[in-house]
């Protein structure tokens, strides 16, 4: 059931987009955290990225993986300021001290990952 769902989701993503960008997560290291291991394994991130990669090739799409160490959640997606205080995972929202933009950690990281991926193919 899970693999069928992943095939449907990956097909939809590939069909609707010319460029797909994701962070190259170190899943093997993430599952070493015993509190998160089951949840990480259940969502099958590796399988989804594997399917996106080969389906992108088949369909002439671009699939870009951004380096694990890219500071996506620390950078202000508006002005580019790097906020070292956001390294702490408990910080879920933050306000940029340079431009005053308010950020949700995950949305800001997603915007930065997309911007970096588009920069790489430009």
PDB file of N, CA and C in Angstrom:
ATOM      1  N   UNK A   1       0.841  -1.191   0.000  1.00  0.00           N
ATOM      2  CA  UNK A   1       0.000   0.000   0.000  1.00  0.00           C
ATOM      3  C   UNK A   1       0.881   1.248   0.000  1.00  0.00           C
ATOM      4  N   UNK A   2       1.933   1.232   0.824  1.00  0.00           N
ATOM      5  CA  UNK A   2       2.823   2.384   0.912  1.00  0.00           C
ATOM      6  C   UNK A   2       3.517   2.654  -0.427  1.00  0.00           C
ATOM      7  N   UNK A   3       4.058   1.605  -1.053  1.00  0.00           N
ATOM      8  CA  UNK A   3       4.755   1.794  -2.329  1.00  0.00           C
ATOM      9  C   UNK A   3       3.806   2.293  -3.415  1.00  0.00           C
ATOM     10  N   UNK A   4       2.584   1.780  -3.420  1.00  0.00           N
ATOM     11  CA  UNK A   4       1.592   2.243  -4.392  1.00  0.00           C
ATOM     12  C   UNK A   4       1.314   3.728  -4.193  1.00  0.00           C
ATOM     13  N   UNK A   5       1.152   4.143  -2.952  1.00  0.00           N
ATOM     14  CA  UNK A   5       0.915   5.554  -2.642  1.00  0.00           C
ATOM     15  C   UNK A   5       2.109   6.412  -3.081  1.00  0.00           C
ATOM     16  N   UNK A   6       3.326   5.942  -2.792  1.00  0.00           N
ATOM     17  CA  UNK A   6       4.522   6.689  -3.187  1.00  0.00           C
ATOM     18  C   UNK A   6       4.625   6.823  -4.709  1.00  0.00           C
ATOM     19  N   UNK A   7       4.238   5.770  -5.439  1.00  0.00           N
ATOM     20  CA  UNK A   7       4.252   5.842  -6.900  1.00  0.00           C
ATOM     21  C   UNK A   7       3.253   6.889  -7.384  1.00  0.00           C
ATOM     22  N   UNK A   8       2.083   6.933  -6.773  1.00  0.00           N
ATOM     23  CA  UNK A   8       1.071   7.908  -7.174  1.00  0.00           C
ATOM     24  C   UNK A   8       1.516   9.336  -6.861  1.00  0.00           C
ATOM     25  N   UNK A   9       2.078   9.532  -5.680  1.00  0.00           N
ATOM     26  CA  UNK A   9       2.542  10.870  -5.282  1.00  0.00           C
ATOM     27  C   UNK A   9       3.698  11.318  -6.167  1.00  0.00           C
ATOM     28  N   UNK A  10       4.673  10.438  -6.373  1.00  0.00           N
ATOM     29  CA  UNK A  10       5.828  10.811  -7.196  1.00  0.00           C
ATOM     30  C   UNK A  10       5.409  11.080  -8.636  1.00  0.00           C
ATOM     31  N   UNK A  11       4.462  10.308  -9.149  1.00  0.00           N
ATOM     32  CA  UNK A  11       3.954  10.540 -10.507  1.00  0.00           C
ATOM     33  C   UNK A  11       3.289  11.914 -10.600  1.00  0.00           C
ATOM     34  N   UNK A  12       2.503  12.258  -9.607  1.00  0.00           N
ATOM     35  CA  UNK A  12       1.822  13.559  -9.595  1.00  0.00           C
ATOM     36  C   UNK A  12       2.832  14.709  -9.528  1.00  0.00           C
ATOM     37  N   UNK A  13       3.832  14.572  -8.673  1.00  0.00           N
ATOM     38  CA  UNK A  13       4.859  15.617  -8.546  1.00  0.00           C
ATOM     39  C   UNK A  13       5.600  15.801  -9.862  1.00  0.00           C
ATOM     40  N   UNK A  14       6.001  14.704 -10.470  1.00  0.00           N
ATOM     41  CA  UNK A  14       6.744  14.766 -11.744  1.00  0.00           C
ATOM     42  C   UNK A  14       5.864  15.314 -12.864  1.00  0.00           C
ATOM     43  N   UNK A  15       4.609  14.924 -12.899  1.00  0.00           N
ATOM     44  CA  UNK A  15       3.703  15.377 -13.958  1.00  0.00           C
ATOM     45  C   UNK A  15       3.416  16.870 -13.884  1.00  0.00           C
ATOM     46  N   UNK A  16       3.377  17.421 -12.688  1.00  0.00           N
ATOM     47  CA  UNK A  16       2.972  18.816 -12.501  1.00  0.00           C
ATOM     48  C   UNK A  16       4.135  19.805 -12.475  1.00  0.00           C
ATOM     49  N   UNK A  17       5.379  19.329 -12.474  1.00  0.00           N
ATOM     50  CA  UNK A  17       6.522  20.220 -12.313  1.00  0.00           C
ATOM     51  C   UNK A  17       7.627  19.898 -13.310  1.00  0.00           C
ATOM     52  N   UNK A  18       8.310  20.951 -13.776  1.00  0.00           N
ATOM     53  CA  UNK A  18       9.462  20.778 -14.648  1.00  0.00           C
ATOM     54  C   UNK A  18      10.745  20.601 -13.843  1.00  0.00           C
ATOM     55  N   UNK A  19      10.782  21.228 -12.659  1.00  0.00           N
ATOM     56  CA  UNK A  19      11.945  21.180 -11.783  1.00  0.00           C
ATOM     57  C   UNK A  19      11.478  20.797 -10.384  1.00  0.00           C
ATOM     58  N   UNK A  20      12.130  19.805  -9.789  1.00  0.00           N
ATOM     59  CA  UNK A  20      11.836  19.365  -8.432  1.00  0.00           C
ATOM     60  C   UNK A  20      13.126  19.495  -7.642  1.00  0.00           C
ATOM     61  N   UNK A  21      13.050  20.143  -6.490  1.00  0.00           N
ATOM     62  CA  UNK A  21      14.232  20.363  -5.662  1.00  0.00           C
ATOM     63  C   UNK A  21      13.950  19.817  -4.271  1.00  0.00           C
ATOM     64  N   UNK A  22      14.887  19.060  -3.729  1.00  0.00           N
ATOM     65  CA  UNK A  22      14.750  18.579  -2.355  1.00  0.00           C
ATOM     66  C   UNK A  22      16.112  18.610  -1.674  1.00  0.00           C
ATOM     67  N   UNK A  23      16.078  18.535  -0.363  1.00  0.00           N
ATOM     68  CA  UNK A  23      17.309  18.478   0.407  1.00  0.00           C
ATOM     69  C   UNK A  23      17.801  17.037   0.410  1.00  0.00           C
ATOM     70  N   UNK A  24      19.082  16.834   0.271  1.00  0.00           N
ATOM     71  CA  UNK A  24      19.670  15.503   0.295  1.00  0.00           C
ATOM     72  C   UNK A  24      19.827  15.075   1.753  1.00  0.00           C
ATOM     73  N   UNK A  25      18.771  14.526   2.309  1.00  0.00           N
ATOM     74  CA  UNK A  25      18.764  14.158   3.722  1.00  0.00           C
ATOM     75  C   UNK A  25      19.616  12.918   3.969  1.00  0.00           C
ATOM     76  N   UNK A  26      20.311  12.919   5.075  1.00  0.00           N
ATOM     77  CA  UNK A  26      21.108  11.759   5.492  1.00  0.00           C
ATOM     78  C   UNK A  26      20.218  10.851   6.336  1.00  0.00           C
ATOM     79  N   UNK A  27      19.383  10.085   5.664  1.00  0.00           N
ATOM     80  CA  UNK A  27      18.366   9.282   6.340  1.00  0.00           C
ATOM     81  C   UNK A  27      19.002   8.225   7.235  1.00  0.00           C
ATOM     82  N   UNK A  28      20.101   7.633   6.811  1.00  0.00           N
ATOM     83  CA  UNK A  28      20.769   6.630   7.648  1.00  0.00           C
ATOM     84  C   UNK A  28      21.158   7.212   8.997  1.00  0.00           C
ATOM     85  N   UNK A  29      21.627   8.454   8.997  1.00  0.00           N
ATOM     86  CA  UNK A  29      21.991   9.096  10.262  1.00  0.00           C
ATOM     87  C   UNK A  29      20.760   9.485  11.069  1.00  0.00           C
ATOM     88  N   UNK A  30      19.705   9.869  10.383  1.00  0.00           N
ATOM     89  CA  UNK A  30      18.495  10.304  11.081  1.00  0.00           C
ATOM     90  C   UNK A  30      17.824   9.156  11.829  1.00  0.00           C
ATOM     91  N   UNK A  31      17.867   7.949  11.272  1.00  0.00           N
ATOM     92  CA  UNK A  31      17.210   6.819  11.935  1.00  0.00           C
ATOM     93  C   UNK A  31      18.010   6.309  13.137  1.00  0.00           C
ATOM     94  N   UNK A  32      19.189   6.848  13.343  1.00  0.00           N
ATOM     95  CA  UNK A  32      19.951   6.493  14.541  1.00  0.00           C
ATOM     96  C   UNK A  32      19.336   7.111  15.792  1.00  0.00           C
ATOM     97  N   UNK A  33      18.527   8.152  15.608  1.00  0.00           N
ATOM     98  CA  UNK A  33      17.796   8.754  16.721  1.00  0.00           C
ATOM     99  C   UNK A  33      16.615   7.831  17.028  1.00  0.00           C
ATOM    100  N   UNK A  34      16.664   7.126  18.143  1.00  0.00           N
ATOM    101  CA  UNK A  34      15.664   6.109  18.468  1.00  0.00           C
ATOM    102  C   UNK A  34      14.266   6.689  18.654  1.00  0.00           C
ATOM    103  N   UNK A  35      14.174   7.972  18.972  1.00  0.00           N
ATOM    104  CA  UNK A  35      12.868   8.601  19.150  1.00  0.00           C
ATOM    105  C   UNK A  35      12.189   8.858  17.803  1.00  0.00           C
ATOM    106  N   UNK A  36      12.987   9.024  16.753  1.00  0.00           N
ATOM    107  CA  UNK A  36      12.443   9.364  15.442  1.00  0.00           C
ATOM    108  C   UNK A  36      12.520   8.228  14.427  1.00  0.00           C
ATOM    109  N   UNK A  37      13.241   7.181  14.731  1.00  0.00           N
ATOM    110  CA  UNK A  37      13.533   6.131  13.758  1.00  0.00           C
ATOM    111  C   UNK A  37      12.275   5.529  13.130  1.00  0.00           C
ATOM    112  N   UNK A  38      11.293   5.189  13.920  1.00  0.00           N
ATOM    113  CA  UNK A  38      10.075   4.566  13.394  1.00  0.00           C
ATOM    114  C   UNK A  38       9.320   5.529  12.481  1.00  0.00           C
ATOM    115  N   UNK A  39       9.172   6.770  12.923  1.00  0.00           N
ATOM    116  CA  UNK A  39       8.445   7.755  12.123  1.00  0.00           C
ATOM    117  C   UNK A  39       9.159   8.018  10.803  1.00  0.00           C
ATOM    118  N   UNK A  40      10.482   8.108  10.835  1.00  0.00           N
ATOM    119  CA  UNK A  40      11.256   8.356   9.619  1.00  0.00           C
ATOM    120  C   UNK A  40      11.149   7.170   8.670  1.00  0.00           C
ATOM    121  N   UNK A  41      11.229   5.975   9.207  1.00  0.00           N
ATOM    122  CA  UNK A  41      11.118   4.777   8.370  1.00  0.00           C
ATOM    123  C   UNK A  41       9.724   4.645   7.766  1.00  0.00           C
ATOM    124  N   UNK A  42       8.703   5.000   8.544  1.00  0.00           N
ATOM    125  CA  UNK A  42       7.321   4.879   8.077  1.00  0.00           C
ATOM    126  C   UNK A  42       7.007   5.771   6.883  1.00  0.00           C
ATOM    127  N   UNK A  43       7.626   6.934   6.794  1.00  0.00           N
ATOM    128  CA  UNK A  43       7.295   7.841   5.696  1.00  0.00           C
ATOM    129  C   UNK A  43       8.061   7.531   4.417  1.00  0.00           C
ATOM    130  N   UNK A  44       9.046   6.678   4.472  1.00  0.00           N
ATOM    131  CA  UNK A  44       9.784   6.201   3.294  1.00  0.00           C
ATOM    132  C   UNK A  44      10.376   7.330   2.454  1.00  0.00           C
ATOM    133  N   UNK A  45      11.081   8.253   3.093  1.00  0.00           N
ATOM    134  CA  UNK A  45      11.697   9.366   2.385  1.00  0.00           C
ATOM    135  C   UNK A  45      12.652   8.885   1.303  1.00  0.00           C
ATOM    136  N   UNK A  46      13.461   7.903   1.637  1.00  0.00           N
ATOM    137  CA  UNK A  46      14.432   7.417   0.661  1.00  0.00           C
ATOM    138  C   UNK A  46      13.721   6.897  -0.586  1.00  0.00           C
ATOM    139  N   UNK A  47      12.692   6.106  -0.400  1.00  0.00           N
ATOM    140  CA  UNK A  47      11.973   5.538  -1.541  1.00  0.00           C
ATOM    141  C   UNK A  47      11.322   6.633  -2.379  1.00  0.00           C
ATOM    142  N   UNK A  48      10.765   7.642  -1.747  1.00  0.00           N
ATOM    143  CA  UNK A  48      10.155   8.741  -2.491  1.00  0.00           C
ATOM    144  C   UNK A  48      11.206   9.472  -3.330  1.00  0.00           C
ATOM    145  N   UNK A  49      12.356   9.783  -2.741  1.00  0.00           N
ATOM    146  CA  UNK A  49      13.395  10.486  -3.497  1.00  0.00           C
ATOM    147  C   UNK A  49      13.963   9.611  -4.613  1.00  0.00           C
ATOM    148  N   UNK A  50      14.049   8.318  -4.369  1.00  0.00           N
ATOM    149  CA  UNK A  50      14.520   7.393  -5.403  1.00  0.00           C
ATOM    150  C   UNK A  50      13.557   7.395  -6.590  1.00  0.00           C
ATOM    151  N   UNK A  51      12.272   7.339  -6.299  1.00  0.00           N
ATOM    152  CA  UNK A  51      11.268   7.351  -7.367  1.00  0.00           C
ATOM    153  C   UNK A  51      11.254   8.683  -8.110  1.00  0.00           C
ATOM    154  N   UNK A  52      11.382   9.779  -7.371  1.00  0.00           N
ATOM    155  CA  UNK A  52      11.427  11.090  -8.025  1.00  0.00           C
ATOM    156  C   UNK A  52      12.610  11.186  -8.974  1.00  0.00           C
ATOM    157  N   UNK A  53      13.739  10.642  -8.548  1.00  0.00           N
ATOM    158  CA  UNK A  53      14.947  10.720  -9.360  1.00  0.00           C
ATOM    159  C   UNK A  53      14.799   9.968 -10.676  1.00  0.00           C
ATOM    160  N   UNK A  54      14.339   8.718 -10.622  1.00  0.00           N
ATOM    161  CA  UNK A  54      14.261   7.961 -11.868  1.00  0.00           C
ATOM    162  C   UNK A  54      13.094   8.414 -12.740  1.00  0.00           C
ATOM    163  N   UNK A  55      11.986   8.852 -12.137  1.00  0.00           N
ATOM    164  CA  UNK A  55      10.853   9.332 -12.928  1.00  0.00           C
ATOM    165  C   UNK A  55      11.164  10.679 -13.582  1.00  0.00           C
ATOM    166  N   UNK A  56      11.975  11.488 -12.922  1.00  0.00           N
ATOM    167  CA  UNK A  56      12.395  12.757 -13.518  1.00  0.00           C
ATOM    168  C   UNK A  56      13.215  12.479 -14.777  1.00  0.00           C
ATOM    169  N   UNK A  57      14.119  11.508 -14.713  1.00  0.00           N
ATOM    170  CA  UNK A  57      14.934  11.154 -15.884  1.00  0.00           C
ATOM    171  C   UNK A  57      14.055  10.645 -17.024  1.00  0.00           C
ATOM    172  N   UNK A  58      13.103   9.772 -16.697  1.00  0.00           N
ATOM    173  CA  UNK A  58      12.213   9.205 -17.709  1.00  0.00           C
ATOM    174  C   UNK A  58      11.388  10.271 -18.416  1.00  0.00           C
ATOM    175  N   UNK A  59      10.987  11.290 -17.660  1.00  0.00           N
ATOM    176  CA  UNK A  59      10.063  12.298 -18.179  1.00  0.00           C
ATOM    177  C   UNK A  59      10.743  13.605 -18.582  1.00  0.00           C
ATOM    178  N   UNK A  60      12.067  13.619 -18.610  1.00  0.00           N
ATOM    179  CA  UNK A  60      12.788  14.806 -19.036  1.00  0.00           C
ATOM    180  C   UNK A  60      12.660  15.988 -18.083  1.00  0.00           C
ATOM    181  N   UNK A  61      12.518  15.707 -16.803  1.00  0.00           N
ATOM    182  CA  UNK A  61      12.412  16.751 -15.789  1.00  0.00           C
ATOM    183  C   UNK A  61      13.752  16.882 -15.074  1.00  0.00           C
ATOM    184  N   UNK A  62      13.929  17.970 -14.354  1.00  0.00           N
ATOM    185  CA  UNK A  62      15.146  18.162 -13.564  1.00  0.00           C
ATOM    186  C   UNK A  62      14.828  17.868 -12.101  1.00  0.00           C
ATOM    187  N   UNK A  63      15.638  17.002 -11.491  1.00  0.00           N
ATOM    188  CA  UNK A  63      15.519  16.705 -10.067  1.00  0.00           C
ATOM    189  C   UNK A  63      16.844  17.071  -9.418  1.00  0.00           C
ATOM    190  N   UNK A  64      16.798  18.020  -8.502  1.00  0.00           N
ATOM    191  CA  UNK A  64      18.010  18.547  -7.890  1.00  0.00           C
ATOM    192  C   UNK A  64      17.979  18.270  -6.402  1.00  0.00           C
ATOM    193  N   UNK A  65      19.082  17.746  -5.883  1.00  0.00           N
ATOM    194  CA  UNK A  65      19.226  17.532  -4.441  1.00  0.00           C
ATOM    195  C   UNK A  65      20.197  18.574  -3.905  1.00  0.00           C
ATOM    196  N   UNK A  66      19.757  19.296  -2.894  1.00  0.00           N
ATOM    197  CA  UNK A  66      20.575  20.321  -2.258  1.00  0.00           C
ATOM    198  C   UNK A  66      21.391  19.664  -1.140  1.00  0.00           C
ATOM    199  N   UNK A  67      22.638  20.082  -1.002  1.00  0.00           N
ATOM    200  CA  UNK A  67      23.554  19.526  -0.003  1.00  0.00           C
ATOM    201  C   UNK A  67      22.953  19.560   1.400  1.00  0.00           C
ATOM    202  N   UNK A  68      23.180  18.502   2.146  1.00  0.00           N
ATOM    203  CA  UNK A  68      22.691  18.363   3.520  1.00  0.00           C
ATOM    204  C   UNK A  68      23.125  19.524   4.401  1.00  0.00           C
ATOM    205  N   UNK A  69      24.311  20.046   4.158  1.00  0.00           N
ATOM    206  CA  UNK A  69      24.860  21.069   5.042  1.00  0.00           C
ATOM    207  C   UNK A  69      24.517  22.493   4.607  1.00  0.00           C
ATOM    208  N   UNK A  70      23.680  22.645   3.585  1.00  0.00           N
ATOM    209  CA  UNK A  70      23.206  23.970   3.191  1.00  0.00           C
ATOM    210  C   UNK A  70      22.324  24.501   4.327  1.00  0.00           C
ATOM    211  N   UNK A  71      22.575  25.718   4.772  1.00  0.00           N
ATOM    212  CA  UNK A  71      21.902  26.292   5.956  1.00  0.00           C
ATOM    213  C   UNK A  71      20.498  26.792   5.620  1.00  0.00           C
ATOM    214  N   UNK A  72      19.646  25.931   5.112  1.00  0.00           N
ATOM    215  CA  UNK A  72      18.337  26.340   4.602  1.00  0.00           C
ATOM    216  C   UNK A  72      17.417  26.954   5.655  1.00  0.00           C
ATOM    217  N   UNK A  73      17.441  26.456   6.863  1.00  0.00           N
ATOM    218  CA  UNK A  73      16.547  26.996   7.893  1.00  0.00           C
ATOM    219  C   UNK A  73      17.143  28.204   8.606  1.00  0.00           C
ATOM    220  N   UNK A  74      18.417  28.446   8.414  1.00  0.00           N
ATOM    221  CA  UNK A  74      19.082  29.573   9.082  1.00  0.00           C
ATOM    222  C   UNK A  74      19.076  30.852   8.257  1.00  0.00           C
ATOM    223  N   UNK A  75      18.898  30.727   6.944  1.00  0.00           N
ATOM    224  CA  UNK A  75      18.954  31.889   6.062  1.00  0.00           C
ATOM    225  C   UNK A  75      17.584  32.550   5.942  1.00  0.00           C
ATOM    226  N   UNK A  76      17.566  33.861   6.006  1.00  0.00           N
ATOM    227  CA  UNK A  76      16.337  34.612   5.763  1.00  0.00           C
ATOM    228  C   UNK A  76      16.046  34.533   4.266  1.00  0.00           C
ATOM    229  N   UNK A  77      14.870  34.037   3.897  1.00  0.00           N
ATOM    230  CA  UNK A  77      14.529  33.899   2.483  1.00  0.00           C
ATOM    231  C   UNK A  77      14.240  35.244   1.818  1.00  0.00           C
ATOM    232  N   UNK A  78      14.150  36.306   2.612  1.00  0.00           N
ATOM    233  CA  UNK A  78      13.891  37.645   2.068  1.00  0.00           C
ATOM    234  C   UNK A  78      15.196  38.382   1.781  1.00  0.00           C
ATOM    235  N   UNK A  79      16.086  38.458   2.794  1.00  0.00           N
ATOM    236  CA  UNK A  79      17.296  39.275   2.637  1.00  0.00           C
ATOM    237  C   UNK A  79      18.601  38.474   2.625  1.00  0.00           C
ATOM    238  N   UNK A  80      18.565  37.192   2.993  1.00  0.00           N
ATOM    239  CA  UNK A  80      19.762  36.359   2.965  1.00  0.00           C
ATOM    240  C   UNK A  80      20.567  36.342   4.255  1.00  0.00           C
ATOM    241  N   UNK A  81      20.116  37.067   5.283  1.00  0.00           N
ATOM    242  CA  UNK A  81      20.827  37.091   6.570  1.00  0.00           C
ATOM    243  C   UNK A  81      20.859  35.681   7.162  1.00  0.00           C
ATOM    244  N   UNK A  82      22.021  35.264   7.683  1.00  0.00           N
ATOM    245  CA  UNK A  82      22.135  33.946   8.320  1.00  0.00           C
ATOM    246  C   UNK A  82      22.021  34.114   9.830  1.00  0.00           C
ATOM    247  N   UNK A  83      20.987  33.524  10.387  1.00  0.00           N
ATOM    248  CA  UNK A  83      20.699  33.633  11.811  1.00  0.00           C
ATOM    249  C   UNK A  83      21.189  32.368  12.526  1.00  0.00           C
ATOM    250  N   UNK A  84      22.301  32.447  13.253  1.00  0.00           N
ATOM    251  CA  UNK A  84      22.841  31.250  13.925  1.00  0.00           C
ATOM    252  C   UNK A  84      21.957  30.753  15.069  1.00  0.00           C
ATOM    253  N   UNK A  85      21.054  31.594  15.580  1.00  0.00           N
ATOM    254  CA  UNK A  85      20.173  31.182  16.675  1.00  0.00           C
ATOM    255  C   UNK A  85      19.187  30.097  16.248  1.00  0.00           C
ATOM    256  N   UNK A  86      18.944  29.959  14.964  1.00  0.00           N
ATOM    257  CA  UNK A  86      17.956  28.983  14.495  1.00  0.00           C
ATOM    258  C   UNK A  86      18.525  27.578  14.359  1.00  0.00           C
ATOM    259  N   UNK A  87      19.796  27.382  14.699  1.00  0.00           N
ATOM    260  CA  UNK A  87      20.364  26.027  14.687  1.00  0.00           C
ATOM    261  C   UNK A  87      19.632  25.129  15.671  1.00  0.00           C
ATOM    262  N   UNK A  88      19.148  25.710  16.742  1.00  0.00           N
ATOM    263  CA  UNK A  88      18.391  24.976  17.756  1.00  0.00           C
ATOM    264  C   UNK A  88      17.049  24.572  17.151  1.00  0.00           C
ATOM    265  N   UNK A  89      16.782  23.269  17.050  1.00  0.00           N
ATOM    266  CA  UNK A  89      15.566  22.772  16.412  1.00  0.00           C
ATOM    267  C   UNK A  89      14.286  23.168  17.140  1.00  0.00           C
ATOM    268  N   UNK A  90      14.401  23.604  18.391  1.00  0.00           N
ATOM    269  CA  UNK A  90      13.204  24.019  19.122  1.00  0.00           C
ATOM    270  C   UNK A  90      12.701  25.387  18.641  1.00  0.00           C
ATOM    271  N   UNK A  91      13.518  26.121  17.902  1.00  0.00           N
ATOM    272  CA  UNK A  91      13.098  27.410  17.349  1.00  0.00           C
ATOM    273  C   UNK A  91      12.272  27.129  16.104  1.00  0.00           C
ATOM    274  N   UNK A  92      10.953  27.285  16.215  1.00  0.00           N
ATOM    275  CA  UNK A  92      10.053  26.971  15.107  1.00  0.00           C
ATOM    276  C   UNK A  92       9.722  28.207  14.258  1.00  0.00           C
ATOM    277  N   UNK A  93       9.708  29.383  14.887  1.00  0.00           N
ATOM    278  CA  UNK A  93       9.498  30.625  14.158  1.00  0.00           C
ATOM    279  C   UNK A  93      10.548  31.628  14.605  1.00  0.00           C
ATOM    280  N   UNK A  94      10.892  32.548  13.717  1.00  0.00           N
ATOM    281  CA  UNK A  94      11.859  33.568  14.076  1.00  0.00           C
ATOM    282  C   UNK A  94      11.667  34.809  13.212  1.00  0.00           C
ATOM    283  N   UNK A  95      12.133  35.923  13.729  1.00  0.00           N
ATOM    284  CA  UNK A  95      12.050  37.195  13.030  1.00  0.00           C
ATOM    285  C   UNK A  95      13.475  37.610  12.650  1.00  0.00           C
ATOM    286  N   UNK A  96      13.662  37.937  11.392  1.00  0.00           N
ATOM    287  CA  UNK A  96      14.985  38.327  10.899  1.00  0.00           C
ATOM    288  C   UNK A  96      15.389  39.658  11.536  1.00  0.00           C
ATOM    289  N   UNK A  97      16.544  39.689  12.225  1.00  0.00           N
ATOM    290  CA  UNK A  97      16.984  40.932  12.845  1.00  0.00           C
ATOM    291  C   UNK A  97      17.419  41.991  11.824  1.00  0.00           C
ATOM    292  N   UNK A  98      17.669  41.573  10.594  1.00  0.00           N
ATOM    293  CA  UNK A  98      18.128  42.516   9.572  1.00  0.00           C
ATOM    294  C   UNK A  98      16.957  43.193   8.846  1.00  0.00           C
ATOM    295  N   UNK A  99      15.976  42.387   8.382  1.00  0.00           N
ATOM    296  CA  UNK A  99      14.882  42.973   7.582  1.00  0.00           C
ATOM    297  C   UNK A  99      13.522  42.934   8.277  1.00  0.00           C
ATOM    298  N   UNK A 100      13.420  42.192   9.396  1.00  0.00           N
ATOM    299  CA  UNK A 100      12.168  42.139  10.151  1.00  0.00           C
ATOM    300  C   UNK A 100      11.147  41.134   9.641  1.00  0.00           C
ATOM    301  N   UNK A 101      11.499  40.337   8.643  1.00  0.00           N
ATOM    302  CA  UNK A 101      10.571  39.335   8.106  1.00  0.00           C
ATOM    303  C   UNK A 101      10.361  38.230   9.140  1.00  0.00           C
ATOM    304  N   UNK A 102       9.120  37.779   9.271  1.00  0.00           N
ATOM    305  CA  UNK A 102       8.802  36.699  10.202  1.00  0.00           C
ATOM    306  C   UNK A 102       8.785  35.388   9.427  1.00  0.00           C
ATOM    307  N   UNK A 103       9.449  34.372   9.988  1.00  0.00           N
ATOM    308  CA  UNK A 103       9.598  33.098   9.288  1.00  0.00           C
ATOM    309  C   UNK A 103       9.116  31.920  10.119  1.00  0.00           C
ATOM    310  N   UNK A 104       8.416  31.002   9.459  1.00  0.00           N
ATOM    311  CA  UNK A 104       8.195  29.666   9.982  1.00  0.00           C
ATOM    312  C   UNK A 104       9.420  28.876   9.531  1.00  0.00           C
ATOM    313  N   UNK A 105      10.044  28.149  10.428  1.00  0.00           N
ATOM    314  CA  UNK A 105      11.294  27.453  10.135  1.00  0.00           C
ATOM    315  C   UNK A 105      11.209  26.579   8.887  1.00  0.00           C
ATOM    316  N   UNK A 106      10.167  25.758   8.789  1.00  0.00           N
ATOM    317  CA  UNK A 106      10.059  24.800   7.695  1.00  0.00           C
ATOM    318  C   UNK A 106       9.722  25.464   6.361  1.00  0.00           C
ATOM    319  N   UNK A 107       8.826  26.429   6.381  1.00  0.00           N
ATOM    320  CA  UNK A 107       8.460  27.127   5.149  1.00  0.00           C
ATOM    321  C   UNK A 107       9.648  27.930   4.629  1.00  0.00           C
ATOM    322  N   UNK A 108      10.338  28.609   5.530  1.00  0.00           N
ATOM    323  CA  UNK A 108      11.528  29.364   5.155  1.00  0.00           C
ATOM    324  C   UNK A 108      12.585  28.437   4.549  1.00  0.00           C
ATOM    325  N   UNK A 109      12.808  27.281   5.172  1.00  0.00           N
ATOM    326  CA  UNK A 109      13.793  26.324   4.645  1.00  0.00           C
ATOM    327  C   UNK A 109      13.388  25.845   3.254  1.00  0.00           C
ATOM    328  N   UNK A 110      12.105  25.553   3.054  1.00  0.00           N
ATOM    329  CA  UNK A 110      11.631  25.100   1.744  1.00  0.00           C
ATOM    330  C   UNK A 110      11.855  26.171   0.678  1.00  0.00           C
ATOM    331  N   UNK A 111      11.591  27.432   1.026  1.00  0.00           N
ATOM    332  CA  UNK A 111      11.813  28.524   0.072  1.00  0.00           C
ATOM    333  C   UNK A 111      13.298  28.648  -0.270  1.00  0.00           C
ATOM    334  N   UNK A 112      14.148  28.507   0.736  1.00  0.00           N
ATOM    335  CA  UNK A 112      15.595  28.591   0.493  1.00  0.00           C
ATOM    336  C   UNK A 112      16.111  27.424  -0.343  1.00  0.00           C
ATOM    337  N   UNK A 113      15.579  26.239  -0.107  1.00  0.00           N
ATOM    338  CA  UNK A 113      15.984  25.054  -0.875  1.00  0.00           C
ATOM    339  C   UNK A 113      15.586  25.226  -2.339  1.00  0.00           C
ATOM    340  N   UNK A 114      14.367  25.697  -2.587  1.00  0.00           N
ATOM    341  CA  UNK A 114      13.928  25.935  -3.965  1.00  0.00           C
ATOM    342  C   UNK A 114      14.803  26.990  -4.637  1.00  0.00           C
ATOM    343  N   UNK A 115      15.062  28.084  -3.951  1.00  0.00           N
ATOM    344  CA  UNK A 115      15.886  29.163  -4.502  1.00  0.00           C
ATOM    345  C   UNK A 115      17.284  28.657  -4.851  1.00  0.00           C
ATOM    346  N   UNK A 116      17.881  27.858  -3.956  1.00  0.00           N
ATOM    347  CA  UNK A 116      19.217  27.309  -4.205  1.00  0.00           C
ATOM    348  C   UNK A 116      19.200  26.357  -5.395  1.00  0.00           C
ATOM    349  N   UNK A 117      18.164  25.518  -5.497  1.00  0.00           N
ATOM    350  CA  UNK A 117      18.066  24.591  -6.624  1.00  0.00           C
ATOM    351  C   UNK A 117      17.937  25.320  -7.949  1.00  0.00           C
ATOM    352  N   UNK A 118      17.100  26.363  -7.976  1.00  0.00           N
ATOM    353  CA  UNK A 118      16.946  27.151  -9.205  1.00  0.00           C
ATOM    354  C   UNK A 118      18.222  27.896  -9.553  1.00  0.00           C
ATOM    355  N   UNK A 119      18.956  28.348  -8.520  1.00  0.00           N
ATOM    356  CA  UNK A 119      20.238  29.021  -8.736  1.00  0.00           C
ATOM    357  C   UNK A 119      21.229  28.061  -9.400  1.00  0.00           C
ATOM    358  N   UNK A 120      21.207  26.803  -8.969  1.00  0.00           N
ATOM    359  CA  UNK A 120      22.146  25.819  -9.505  1.00  0.00           C
ATOM    360  C   UNK A 120      21.920  25.498 -10.974  1.00  0.00           C
ATOM    361  N   UNK A 121      20.680  25.583 -11.428  1.00  0.00           N
ATOM    362  CA  UNK A 121      20.422  25.260 -12.830  1.00  0.00           C
ATOM    363  C   UNK A 121      20.424  26.487 -13.743  1.00  0.00           C
ATOM    364  N   UNK A 122      20.525  27.673 -13.132  1.00  0.00           N
ATOM    365  CA  UNK A 122      20.520  28.911 -13.944  1.00  0.00           C
ATOM    366  C   UNK A 122      21.819  29.101 -14.696  1.00  0.00           C
TER     367      UNK A 122
END
